[in-house]
Protein backbone atom coordinates (compact mmCIF):
# COMPACT_ATOMS: atom_id res chain seq x y z
CA ILE A 1 39.61 15.54 -41.71
CA TYR A 2 40.68 12.09 -42.77
CA THR A 3 39.83 8.94 -40.93
CA GLN A 4 40.51 5.30 -41.58
CA TRP A 5 37.83 3.07 -40.09
CA SER A 6 36.44 5.61 -37.63
CA ALA A 7 33.61 3.39 -36.54
CA MET A 8 32.02 3.22 -33.14
CA GLU A 9 33.36 -0.32 -32.94
CA LYS A 10 35.55 -2.53 -35.08
CA PRO A 11 34.02 -5.29 -37.23
CA ARG A 12 33.54 -8.65 -35.60
CA ASN A 13 33.48 -12.09 -37.11
CA GLY A 14 30.07 -12.91 -38.46
CA ALA A 15 29.03 -9.30 -38.93
CA VAL A 16 27.35 -8.51 -42.25
CA TRP A 17 28.63 -5.40 -44.01
CA LEU A 18 27.50 -3.59 -47.15
CA ASP A 19 30.11 -1.47 -48.90
CA VAL A 20 28.70 1.78 -50.32
CA PRO A 21 30.77 3.38 -53.10
CA GLU A 22 32.35 6.79 -52.56
CA VAL A 23 29.98 9.73 -52.20
CA GLN A 24 30.86 13.40 -52.51
CA SER A 25 28.72 15.93 -50.76
CA GLN A 26 28.76 19.69 -50.35
CA LEU A 27 28.54 20.56 -46.68
CA ALA A 28 26.26 23.30 -45.39
CA ASP A 29 29.30 25.61 -45.11
CA GLY A 30 30.21 25.08 -48.78
CA ARG A 31 33.13 22.69 -48.26
CA MET A 32 33.20 19.46 -50.26
CA LEU A 33 33.40 16.13 -48.48
CA SER A 34 34.32 12.74 -49.88
CA VAL A 35 33.06 9.82 -47.84
CA LYS A 36 33.14 6.04 -48.21
CA VAL A 37 31.13 3.99 -45.75
CA ASN A 38 30.34 0.43 -44.86
CA LEU A 39 26.94 -0.32 -43.38
CA GLN A 40 26.71 -2.99 -40.72
CA LEU A 41 23.47 -4.82 -41.39
CA ARG A 42 21.22 -6.63 -38.96
CA ASN A 43 20.78 -9.91 -40.88
CA ARG A 44 22.69 -12.03 -43.38
CA ASP A 45 19.95 -11.66 -46.00
CA ASP A 46 19.94 -7.85 -45.81
CA PRO A 47 22.43 -7.29 -48.67
CA ASN A 48 20.00 -9.07 -51.01
CA VAL A 49 17.09 -7.00 -49.70
CA LEU A 50 19.03 -3.77 -50.29
CA GLU A 51 20.17 -4.74 -53.77
CA GLY A 52 18.86 -2.14 -56.18
CA HIS A 53 18.68 0.57 -53.51
CA GLU A 54 22.33 1.67 -53.89
CA PRO A 55 21.50 4.94 -55.70
CA ALA A 56 19.08 5.87 -52.91
CA LEU A 57 21.60 4.92 -50.20
CA LYS A 58 24.22 7.14 -51.84
CA ALA A 59 21.66 9.96 -52.12
CA MET A 60 20.84 9.65 -48.40
CA ILE A 61 24.53 9.89 -47.50
CA GLU A 62 24.95 12.93 -49.77
CA GLN A 63 21.83 14.58 -48.34
CA VAL A 64 22.95 14.12 -44.73
CA GLY A 65 26.25 15.79 -45.65
CA THR A 66 24.43 18.91 -46.85
CA THR A 67 23.05 19.42 -43.33
CA MET A 68 26.48 19.31 -41.67
CA THR A 69 29.38 21.73 -41.43
CA ARG A 70 33.09 21.06 -41.00
CA THR A 71 32.69 21.86 -37.31
CA ASP A 72 29.80 19.38 -36.97
CA ILE A 73 31.94 16.44 -38.14
CA LYS A 74 35.11 17.44 -36.29
CA GLY A 75 36.57 14.91 -33.87
CA ARG A 76 35.43 11.45 -32.87
CA GLU A 77 32.07 12.64 -31.49
CA GLY A 78 31.35 14.60 -34.66
CA VAL A 79 32.11 11.60 -36.85
CA GLN A 80 29.88 9.44 -34.65
CA ARG A 81 27.02 11.95 -34.93
CA TYR A 82 27.50 12.01 -38.71
CA GLY A 83 27.37 8.20 -38.81
CA GLN A 84 24.23 8.14 -36.66
CA ALA A 85 22.58 10.71 -38.94
CA ILE A 86 23.39 8.54 -41.98
CA GLN A 87 22.01 5.48 -40.19
CA GLN A 88 18.77 7.29 -39.31
CA ALA A 89 18.38 8.67 -42.84
CA ILE A 90 18.87 5.28 -44.49
CA ASN A 91 16.61 3.46 -42.04
CA GLY A 92 13.99 6.19 -42.53
CA TYR A 93 14.20 5.72 -46.30
CA LEU A 94 13.79 1.96 -45.89
CA LYS A 95 10.77 2.47 -43.67
CA ASP A 96 9.23 4.69 -46.36
CA GLN A 97 9.83 1.82 -48.80
CA HIS A 98 8.03 -0.58 -46.40
CA ILE A 99 11.29 -2.34 -45.56
CA ASP A 100 12.27 -2.99 -41.94
CA GLU A 101 15.28 -1.10 -40.58
CA ARG A 102 18.40 -2.88 -41.75
CA VAL A 103 21.35 -0.65 -40.79
CA LYS A 104 22.81 -1.37 -37.38
CA MET A 105 25.89 0.86 -37.64
CA VAL A 106 27.83 3.04 -40.08
CA ALA A 107 31.62 2.66 -40.34
CA PHE A 108 33.74 5.13 -42.29
CA ASN A 109 36.51 3.81 -44.55
CA GLU A 110 37.26 7.36 -45.69
CA LEU A 111 36.15 10.80 -44.60
CA VAL A 112 38.06 13.51 -46.43
CA LEU A 113 37.43 17.25 -46.60
CA LEU A 114 38.37 18.30 -50.11
CA PRO A 115 40.31 21.54 -50.77
């Protein structure tokens, strides 16, 4: 599976995005997945609030991948479910850190199943 910008919607002017560096995750079925996401944030000040949380954001993305299989992320609906799971995991982490939910949407720059 490879997708270029497989978001639920395309970026709009004025939207605030946070680029998360590439993450590799082992899926539940043993396959390796490389993923690069952009997080659409709710407010302009959110990137500053999330500064310093990048290792945790990457860990959340990796952890969500371990709960999925190749079949789970197949097709547009599968990619959307994967993005929603990442969004929920990150917002849950932020809530645990006493930070309001910040992630509005997850957009995939890359989603590659590795050989």
